Amino acid sequence: MPNSGGAGVILAAGASSRMGRPKALLPYGGTTFVDHLWRLLEQLPLAWKRVVTSPALPLDGYPCLVNPETERGPIGSLQLALRSGADRYPWLMVLAVDRPTIALSTLQALIDATRQPGELWVPSYQGRRGHPVVFGRACYPDLLAAPDHPGARWVVQRHVRTEVPVDDPAIFDQLDTPADLKAAGLSP
């Protein structure tokens, strides 16, 4: 049975300035980026899950945390999730809303990997690491203390990474601009 003791969070509080409109609400697969990712989380054995959004982007239909300090970047949202309950769980899967192309099998492989001892788990495809990252409890103090820049990267550099091989090149996808959408075959 997969480990069901973890948490999951979708970070959706960014300004989407390069996209020109909220990435969370962009269409994907007959729904939106945030809804697609939420549906993936719902298929996973997670004990706690939230969407972190901004005051400017109220999202109905999901348990949300509103980040009043969005200018701090993703680390501020991640810290908010930890302080709001995610820290009670042995690991936290962090999904960015601009990465909706990730395969469910990749997320499940990461969760399965948490059964083995580790500090953090990252997917890898053909020898390259990607996203999302699963942070173990050993990372929580550093996540809470991380500077706004480089944020979570500072934490990743300080902890032992366990690579989880997956057959999913979408671990490298990041849809930040209309050009990125077009390159991915999505409508800008």
Protein backbone atom coordinates (compact mmCIF):
# COMPACT_ATOMS: atom_id res chain seq x y z
CA MET A 1 0.00 0.00 0.00
CA PRO A 2 1.40 3.44 -0.91
CA ASN A 3 2.49 5.77 1.87
CA SER A 4 -0.59 7.82 2.74
CA GLY A 5 0.96 9.97 5.42
CA GLY A 6 2.10 12.91 3.31
CA ALA A 7 0.91 16.31 2.20
CA GLY A 8 0.59 18.00 -1.17
CA VAL A 9 0.44 21.65 -2.16
CA ILE A 10 -0.10 23.50 -5.43
CA LEU A 11 1.70 26.85 -5.55
CA ALA A 12 -0.53 29.27 -7.49
CA ALA A 13 0.14 32.65 -5.86
CA GLY A 14 2.50 34.10 -8.47
CA ALA A 15 1.70 37.24 -10.43
CA SER A 16 1.89 35.45 -13.82
CA SER A 17 3.43 38.65 -15.21
CA ARG A 18 5.25 36.91 -18.07
CA MET A 19 2.06 35.08 -19.07
CA GLY A 20 -0.07 38.23 -18.89
CA ARG A 21 -2.96 36.44 -17.15
CA PRO A 22 -3.31 34.06 -14.21
CA LYS A 23 -1.66 30.74 -15.05
CA ALA A 24 -3.92 28.91 -12.61
CA LEU A 25 -6.93 29.73 -14.81
CA LEU A 26 -5.39 28.84 -18.19
CA PRO A 27 -7.18 26.07 -20.07
CA TYR A 28 -5.72 22.58 -19.97
CA GLY A 29 -7.36 19.28 -20.87
CA GLY A 30 -10.92 20.62 -20.78
CA THR A 31 -10.38 22.34 -17.45
CA THR A 32 -7.79 24.74 -16.00
CA PHE A 33 -4.17 24.33 -14.90
CA VAL A 34 -5.10 24.44 -11.21
CA ASP A 35 -8.10 22.15 -11.60
CA HIS A 36 -6.11 19.60 -13.57
CA LEU A 37 -3.38 19.52 -10.92
CA TRP A 38 -5.98 19.32 -8.14
CA ARG A 39 -7.59 16.33 -9.84
CA LEU A 40 -4.18 14.65 -9.94
CA LEU A 41 -3.70 15.29 -6.20
CA GLU A 42 -7.14 13.84 -5.50
CA GLN A 43 -6.03 10.56 -7.09
CA LEU A 44 -3.08 10.27 -4.73
CA PRO A 45 -3.06 8.92 -1.18
CA LEU A 46 -2.46 12.28 0.53
CA ALA A 47 -3.56 13.07 4.06
CA TRP A 48 -3.47 16.87 3.54
CA LYS A 49 -3.65 19.00 0.40
CA ARG A 50 -4.05 22.71 -0.35
CA VAL A 51 -3.74 25.32 -3.08
CA VAL A 52 -1.79 28.46 -2.17
CA THR A 53 -3.17 31.47 -4.00
CA SER A 54 -2.91 35.24 -3.82
CA PRO A 55 -5.44 37.78 -2.54
CA ALA A 56 -5.88 38.88 -6.17
CA LEU A 57 -6.87 35.39 -7.32
CA PRO A 58 -9.63 33.86 -5.21
CA LEU A 59 -10.13 30.24 -6.20
CA ASP A 60 -13.41 28.53 -5.34
CA GLY A 61 -13.79 24.79 -5.04
CA TYR A 62 -10.44 24.01 -3.40
CA PRO A 63 -9.13 24.25 0.13
CA CYS A 64 -6.97 27.35 -0.29
CA LEU A 65 -4.38 29.23 1.68
CA VAL A 66 -4.09 32.90 0.73
CA ASN A 67 -0.53 34.19 0.65
CA PRO A 68 -0.55 37.93 1.51
CA GLU A 69 3.18 38.20 0.74
CA THR A 70 3.32 37.01 -2.87
CA GLU A 71 6.26 39.32 -3.60
CA ARG A 72 8.43 36.88 -1.62
CA GLY A 73 8.05 34.30 -4.37
CA PRO A 74 7.36 30.58 -4.12
CA ILE A 75 9.26 30.11 -0.85
CA GLY A 76 6.75 32.35 0.94
CA SER A 77 3.90 30.14 -0.27
CA LEU A 78 5.76 27.01 0.72
CA GLN A 79 6.42 28.42 4.20
CA LEU A 80 2.73 29.33 4.51
CA ALA A 81 1.76 25.74 3.67
CA LEU A 82 4.15 24.36 6.28
CA ARG A 83 2.91 26.76 8.95
CA SER A 84 -0.71 25.98 8.06
CA GLY A 85 -0.51 22.26 8.72
CA ALA A 86 1.74 20.55 6.19
CA ASP A 87 4.51 20.39 8.80
CA ARG A 88 2.52 17.71 10.67
CA TYR A 89 3.25 15.22 7.88
CA PRO A 90 6.48 13.33 7.13
CA TRP A 91 6.80 14.75 3.62
CA LEU A 92 5.38 17.46 1.37
CA MET A 93 4.93 17.20 -2.41
CA VAL A 94 5.20 20.66 -3.99
CA LEU A 95 3.54 21.25 -7.37
CA ALA A 96 3.88 24.52 -9.27
CA VAL A 97 0.72 25.57 -11.10
CA ASP A 98 2.73 26.27 -14.28
CA ARG A 99 3.64 22.58 -14.63
CA PRO A 100 0.29 20.88 -15.42
CA THR A 101 1.74 18.39 -17.92
CA ILE A 102 3.23 16.14 -15.22
CA ALA A 103 2.07 12.51 -15.35
CA LEU A 104 0.11 10.96 -12.50
CA SER A 105 2.54 8.02 -12.63
CA THR A 106 5.41 10.40 -11.84
CA LEU A 107 3.63 11.73 -8.77
CA GLN A 108 2.85 8.18 -7.63
CA ALA A 109 6.49 7.11 -8.17
CA LEU A 110 7.63 9.99 -5.95
CA ILE A 111 5.18 8.98 -3.22
CA ASP A 112 6.28 5.36 -3.49
CA ALA A 113 9.91 6.50 -3.10
CA THR A 114 9.10 8.13 0.26
CA ARG A 115 8.82 4.63 1.72
CA GLN A 116 12.61 4.52 1.65
CA PRO A 117 14.69 6.72 3.95
CA GLY A 118 15.54 10.09 2.46
CA GLU A 119 15.55 13.84 2.92
CA LEU A 120 14.02 14.86 -0.40
CA TRP A 121 12.98 13.14 -3.59
CA VAL A 122 13.18 14.46 -7.16
CA PRO A 123 12.12 12.85 -10.41
CA SER A 124 14.77 12.24 -13.06
CA TYR A 125 14.41 11.49 -16.75
CA GLN A 126 17.40 10.33 -18.79
CA GLY A 127 19.76 11.41 -16.03
CA ARG A 128 18.38 14.95 -15.57
CA ARG A 129 16.48 16.07 -12.49
CA GLY A 130 13.16 17.90 -12.74
CA HIS A 131 9.98 18.75 -10.82
CA PRO A 132 8.02 18.34 -8.63
CA VAL A 133 10.08 17.96 -5.48
CA VAL A 134 9.00 16.06 -2.39
CA PHE A 135 10.56 17.47 0.77
CA GLY A 136 10.95 15.23 3.80
CA ARG A 137 10.61 16.40 7.37
CA ALA A 138 14.41 16.85 7.64
CA CYS A 139 14.04 19.76 5.19
CA TYR A 140 11.27 21.61 7.04
CA PRO A 141 13.48 23.73 9.34
CA ASP A 142 15.56 24.89 6.37
CA LEU A 143 12.45 25.55 4.27
CA LEU A 144 11.08 27.74 7.06
CA ALA A 145 14.43 29.58 7.33
CA ALA A 146 15.18 29.83 3.60
CA PRO A 147 15.88 33.26 2.11
CA ASP A 148 13.43 34.50 -0.50
CA HIS A 149 16.13 34.09 -3.11
CA PRO A 150 17.20 31.40 -3.96
CA GLY A 151 14.32 30.00 -1.89
CA ALA A 152 13.74 26.26 -2.09
CA ARG A 153 16.88 25.80 -4.22
CA TRP A 154 18.87 26.81 -1.15
CA VAL A 155 17.23 23.92 0.71
CA VAL A 156 17.72 21.41 -2.11
CA GLN A 157 21.45 22.21 -2.15
CA ARG A 158 21.73 21.57 1.60
CA HIS A 159 20.06 18.15 1.68
CA VAL A 160 20.65 14.70 0.25
CA ARG A 161 18.55 14.22 -2.89
CA THR A 162 17.13 10.87 -3.86
CA GLU A 163 16.56 10.69 -7.60
CA VAL A 164 13.47 8.80 -8.69
CA PRO A 165 13.78 7.65 -12.33
CA VAL A 166 10.58 8.22 -14.31
CA ASP A 167 9.58 7.93 -17.96
CA ASP A 168 8.14 11.44 -18.09
CA PRO A 169 9.92 14.29 -19.93
CA ALA A 170 7.18 16.62 -18.60
CA ILE A 171 9.25 16.92 -15.40
CA PHE A 172 11.12 19.66 -17.30
CA ASP A 173 8.02 21.52 -18.56
CA GLN A 174 7.39 24.99 -17.19
CA LEU A 175 4.74 27.09 -18.90
CA ASP A 176 5.58 30.71 -18.03
CA THR A 177 4.90 32.60 -21.26
CA PRO A 178 2.53 32.50 -24.24
CA ALA A 179 5.48 31.18 -26.26
CA ASP A 180 5.86 28.29 -23.80
CA LEU A 181 2.18 27.45 -24.27
CA LYS A 182 2.55 27.49 -28.03
CA ALA A 183 5.66 25.31 -27.90
CA ALA A 184 3.73 22.80 -25.77
CA GLY A 185 0.90 22.71 -28.32
CA LEU A 186 -1.50 24.64 -26.09
CA SER A 187 -3.45 27.75 -27.02
CA PRO A 188 -1.74 30.93 -25.79
